[in-house]
Amino acid sequence: EASAQLDSARACLRAVRPDPAAARDLDALVGSLLDRAW
């Protein structure tokens, strides 16, 4: 469920900002948030 929401959020952000560097930063941010959530 959470990962599906993350995938859709990433897809939306890629559509808005297809910048690979921004996508990597976003993945790092999401990863750190998930680490804290778990």
PDB file of N, CA and C in Angstrom:
ATOM      1  N   GLU A   1       0.842  -1.200   0.000  1.00  0.00           N
ATOM      2  CA  GLU A   1       0.000   0.000   0.000  1.00  0.00           C
ATOM      3  C   GLU A   1       0.876   1.249   0.000  1.00  0.00           C
ATOM      4  N   ALA A   2       1.759   1.350   0.989  1.00  0.00           N
ATOM      5  CA  ALA A   2       2.619   2.532   1.069  1.00  0.00           C
ATOM      6  C   ALA A   2       3.524   2.626  -0.156  1.00  0.00           C
ATOM      7  N   SER A   3       4.075   1.488  -0.576  1.00  0.00           N
ATOM      8  CA  SER A   3       4.980   1.535  -1.726  1.00  0.00           C
ATOM      9  C   SER A   3       4.216   1.887  -2.997  1.00  0.00           C
ATOM     10  N   ALA A   4       2.964   1.461  -3.101  1.00  0.00           N
ATOM     11  CA  ALA A   4       2.153   1.828  -4.266  1.00  0.00           C
ATOM     12  C   ALA A   4       1.928   3.341  -4.285  1.00  0.00           C
ATOM     13  N   GLN A   5       1.671   3.916  -3.109  1.00  0.00           N
ATOM     14  CA  GLN A   5       1.481   5.359  -3.027  1.00  0.00           C
ATOM     15  C   GLN A   5       2.778   6.084  -3.377  1.00  0.00           C
ATOM     16  N   LEU A   6       3.906   5.546  -2.933  1.00  0.00           N
ATOM     17  CA  LEU A   6       5.189   6.155  -3.260  1.00  0.00           C
ATOM     18  C   LEU A   6       5.438   6.104  -4.755  1.00  0.00           C
ATOM     19  N   ASP A   7       5.125   4.963  -5.378  1.00  0.00           N
ATOM     20  CA  ASP A   7       5.326   4.840  -6.818  1.00  0.00           C
ATOM     21  C   ASP A   7       4.481   5.864  -7.566  1.00  0.00           C
ATOM     22  N   SER A   8       3.230   6.036  -7.155  1.00  0.00           N
ATOM     23  CA  SER A   8       2.370   7.003  -7.842  1.00  0.00           C
ATOM     24  C   SER A   8       2.877   8.425  -7.600  1.00  0.00           C
ATOM     25  N   ALA A   9       3.368   8.689  -6.385  1.00  0.00           N
ATOM     26  CA  ALA A   9       3.899  10.018  -6.093  1.00  0.00           C
ATOM     27  C   ALA A   9       5.139  10.286  -6.943  1.00  0.00           C
ATOM     28  N   ARG A  10       5.999   9.260  -7.079  1.00  0.00           N
ATOM     29  CA  ARG A  10       7.194   9.426  -7.911  1.00  0.00           C
ATOM     30  C   ARG A  10       6.806   9.660  -9.358  1.00  0.00           C
ATOM     31  N   ALA A  11       5.799   8.939  -9.837  1.00  0.00           N
ATOM     32  CA  ALA A  11       5.357   9.110 -11.222  1.00  0.00           C
ATOM     33  C   ALA A  11       4.860  10.535 -11.445  1.00  0.00           C
ATOM     34  N   CYS A  12       4.092  11.046 -10.483  1.00  0.00           N
ATOM     35  CA  CYS A  12       3.588  12.421 -10.603  1.00  0.00           C
ATOM     36  C   CYS A  12       4.747  13.409 -10.616  1.00  0.00           C
ATOM     37  N   LEU A  13       5.703  13.220  -9.715  1.00  0.00           N
ATOM     38  CA  LEU A  13       6.821  14.151  -9.644  1.00  0.00           C
ATOM     39  C   LEU A  13       7.684  14.071 -10.897  1.00  0.00           C
ATOM     40  N   ARG A  14       7.827  12.862 -11.467  1.00  0.00           N
ATOM     41  CA  ARG A  14       8.593  12.732 -12.708  1.00  0.00           C
ATOM     42  C   ARG A  14       7.897  13.470 -13.839  1.00  0.00           C
ATOM     43  N   ALA A  15       6.564  13.415 -13.846  1.00  0.00           N
ATOM     44  CA  ALA A  15       5.818  14.118 -14.892  1.00  0.00           C
ATOM     45  C   ALA A  15       6.019  15.626 -14.746  1.00  0.00           C
ATOM     46  N   VAL A  16       6.077  16.086 -13.491  1.00  0.00           N
ATOM     47  CA  VAL A  16       6.241  17.519 -13.256  1.00  0.00           C
ATOM     48  C   VAL A  16       7.700  17.930 -13.449  1.00  0.00           C
ATOM     49  N   ARG A  17       8.604  17.163 -12.860  1.00  0.00           N
ATOM     50  CA  ARG A  17      10.035  17.491 -12.939  1.00  0.00           C
ATOM     51  C   ARG A  17      10.807  16.254 -13.371  1.00  0.00           C
ATOM     52  N   PRO A  18      10.997  16.069 -14.665  1.00  0.00           N
ATOM     53  CA  PRO A  18      11.699  14.874 -15.154  1.00  0.00           C
ATOM     54  C   PRO A  18      13.222  14.944 -14.982  1.00  0.00           C
ATOM     55  N   ASP A  19      13.689  15.803 -14.097  1.00  0.00           N
ATOM     56  CA  ASP A  19      15.126  15.957 -13.872  1.00  0.00           C
ATOM     57  C   ASP A  19      15.670  14.749 -13.102  1.00  0.00           C
ATOM     58  N   PRO A  20      16.607  14.002 -13.685  1.00  0.00           N
ATOM     59  CA  PRO A  20      17.127  12.804 -13.003  1.00  0.00           C
ATOM     60  C   PRO A  20      17.742  13.113 -11.641  1.00  0.00           C
ATOM     61  N   ALA A  21      18.428  14.228 -11.525  1.00  0.00           N
ATOM     62  CA  ALA A  21      19.043  14.575 -10.241  1.00  0.00           C
ATOM     63  C   ALA A  21      17.953  14.811  -9.196  1.00  0.00           C
ATOM     64  N   ALA A  22      16.884  15.474  -9.580  1.00  0.00           N
ATOM     65  CA  ALA A  22      15.784  15.714  -8.648  1.00  0.00           C
ATOM     66  C   ALA A  22      15.139  14.389  -8.259  1.00  0.00           C
ATOM     67  N   ALA A  23      15.022  13.476  -9.212  1.00  0.00           N
ATOM     68  CA  ALA A  23      14.432  12.164  -8.912  1.00  0.00           C
ATOM     69  C   ALA A  23      15.309  11.416  -7.915  1.00  0.00           C
ATOM     70  N   ARG A  24      16.639  11.495  -8.086  1.00  0.00           N
ATOM     71  CA  ARG A  24      17.538  10.817  -7.139  1.00  0.00           C
ATOM     72  C   ARG A  24      17.406  11.449  -5.757  1.00  0.00           C
ATOM     73  N   ASP A  25      17.357  12.775  -5.698  1.00  0.00           N
ATOM     74  CA  ASP A  25      17.195  13.447  -4.408  1.00  0.00           C
ATOM     75  C   ASP A  25      15.889  13.018  -3.757  1.00  0.00           C
ATOM     76  N   LEU A  26      14.833  12.926  -4.578  1.00  0.00           N
ATOM     77  CA  LEU A  26      13.535  12.524  -4.040  1.00  0.00           C
ATOM     78  C   LEU A  26      13.600  11.105  -3.493  1.00  0.00           C
ATOM     79  N   ASP A  27      14.235  10.210  -4.235  1.00  0.00           N
ATOM     80  CA  ASP A  27      14.355   8.828  -3.760  1.00  0.00           C
ATOM     81  C   ASP A  27      15.111   8.776  -2.433  1.00  0.00           C
ATOM     82  N   ALA A  28      16.172   9.570  -2.314  1.00  0.00           N
ATOM     83  CA  ALA A  28      16.940   9.581  -1.073  1.00  0.00           C
ATOM     84  C   ALA A  28      16.084  10.109   0.078  1.00  0.00           C
ATOM     85  N   LEU A  29      15.323  11.161  -0.203  1.00  0.00           N
ATOM     86  CA  LEU A  29      14.464  11.735   0.834  1.00  0.00           C
ATOM     87  C   LEU A  29      13.399  10.736   1.260  1.00  0.00           C
ATOM     88  N   VAL A  30      12.749  10.106   0.284  1.00  0.00           N
ATOM     89  CA  VAL A  30      11.708   9.117   0.589  1.00  0.00           C
ATOM     90  C   VAL A  30      12.311   7.956   1.375  1.00  0.00           C
ATOM     91  N   GLY A  31      13.506   7.519   0.988  1.00  0.00           N
ATOM     92  CA  GLY A  31      14.151   6.423   1.695  1.00  0.00           C
ATOM     93  C   GLY A  31      14.423   6.770   3.148  1.00  0.00           C
ATOM     94  N   SER A  32      14.899   7.984   3.397  1.00  0.00           N
ATOM     95  CA  SER A  32      15.187   8.370   4.777  1.00  0.00           C
ATOM     96  C   SER A  32      13.895   8.497   5.582  1.00  0.00           C
ATOM     97  N   LEU A  33      12.830   8.996   4.940  1.00  0.00           N
ATOM     98  CA  LEU A  33      11.552   9.093   5.643  1.00  0.00           C
ATOM     99  C   LEU A  33      11.019   7.705   5.984  1.00  0.00           C
ATOM    100  N   LEU A  34      11.164   6.771   5.049  1.00  0.00           N
ATOM    101  CA  LEU A  34      10.692   5.411   5.303  1.00  0.00           C
ATOM    102  C   LEU A  34      11.506   4.768   6.427  1.00  0.00           C
ATOM    103  N   ASP A  35      12.814   5.014   6.436  1.00  0.00           N
ATOM    104  CA  ASP A  35      13.648   4.456   7.509  1.00  0.00           C
ATOM    105  C   ASP A  35      13.153   4.940   8.864  1.00  0.00           C
ATOM    106  N   ARG A  36      12.796   6.223   8.941  1.00  0.00           N
ATOM    107  CA  ARG A  36      12.304   6.757  10.212  1.00  0.00           C
ATOM    108  C   ARG A  36      10.930   6.192  10.535  1.00  0.00           C
ATOM    109  N   ALA A  37      10.090   6.028   9.516  1.00  0.00           N
ATOM    110  CA  ALA A  37       8.723   5.538   9.753  1.00  0.00           C
ATOM    111  C   ALA A  37       8.758   4.109  10.289  1.00  0.00           C
ATOM    112  N   TRP A  38       9.647   3.269   9.724  1.00  0.00           N
ATOM    113  CA  TRP A  38       9.726   1.894  10.201  1.00  0.00           C
ATOM    114  C   TRP A  38      10.449   1.881  11.536  1.00  0.00           C
TER     115      TRP A  38
END
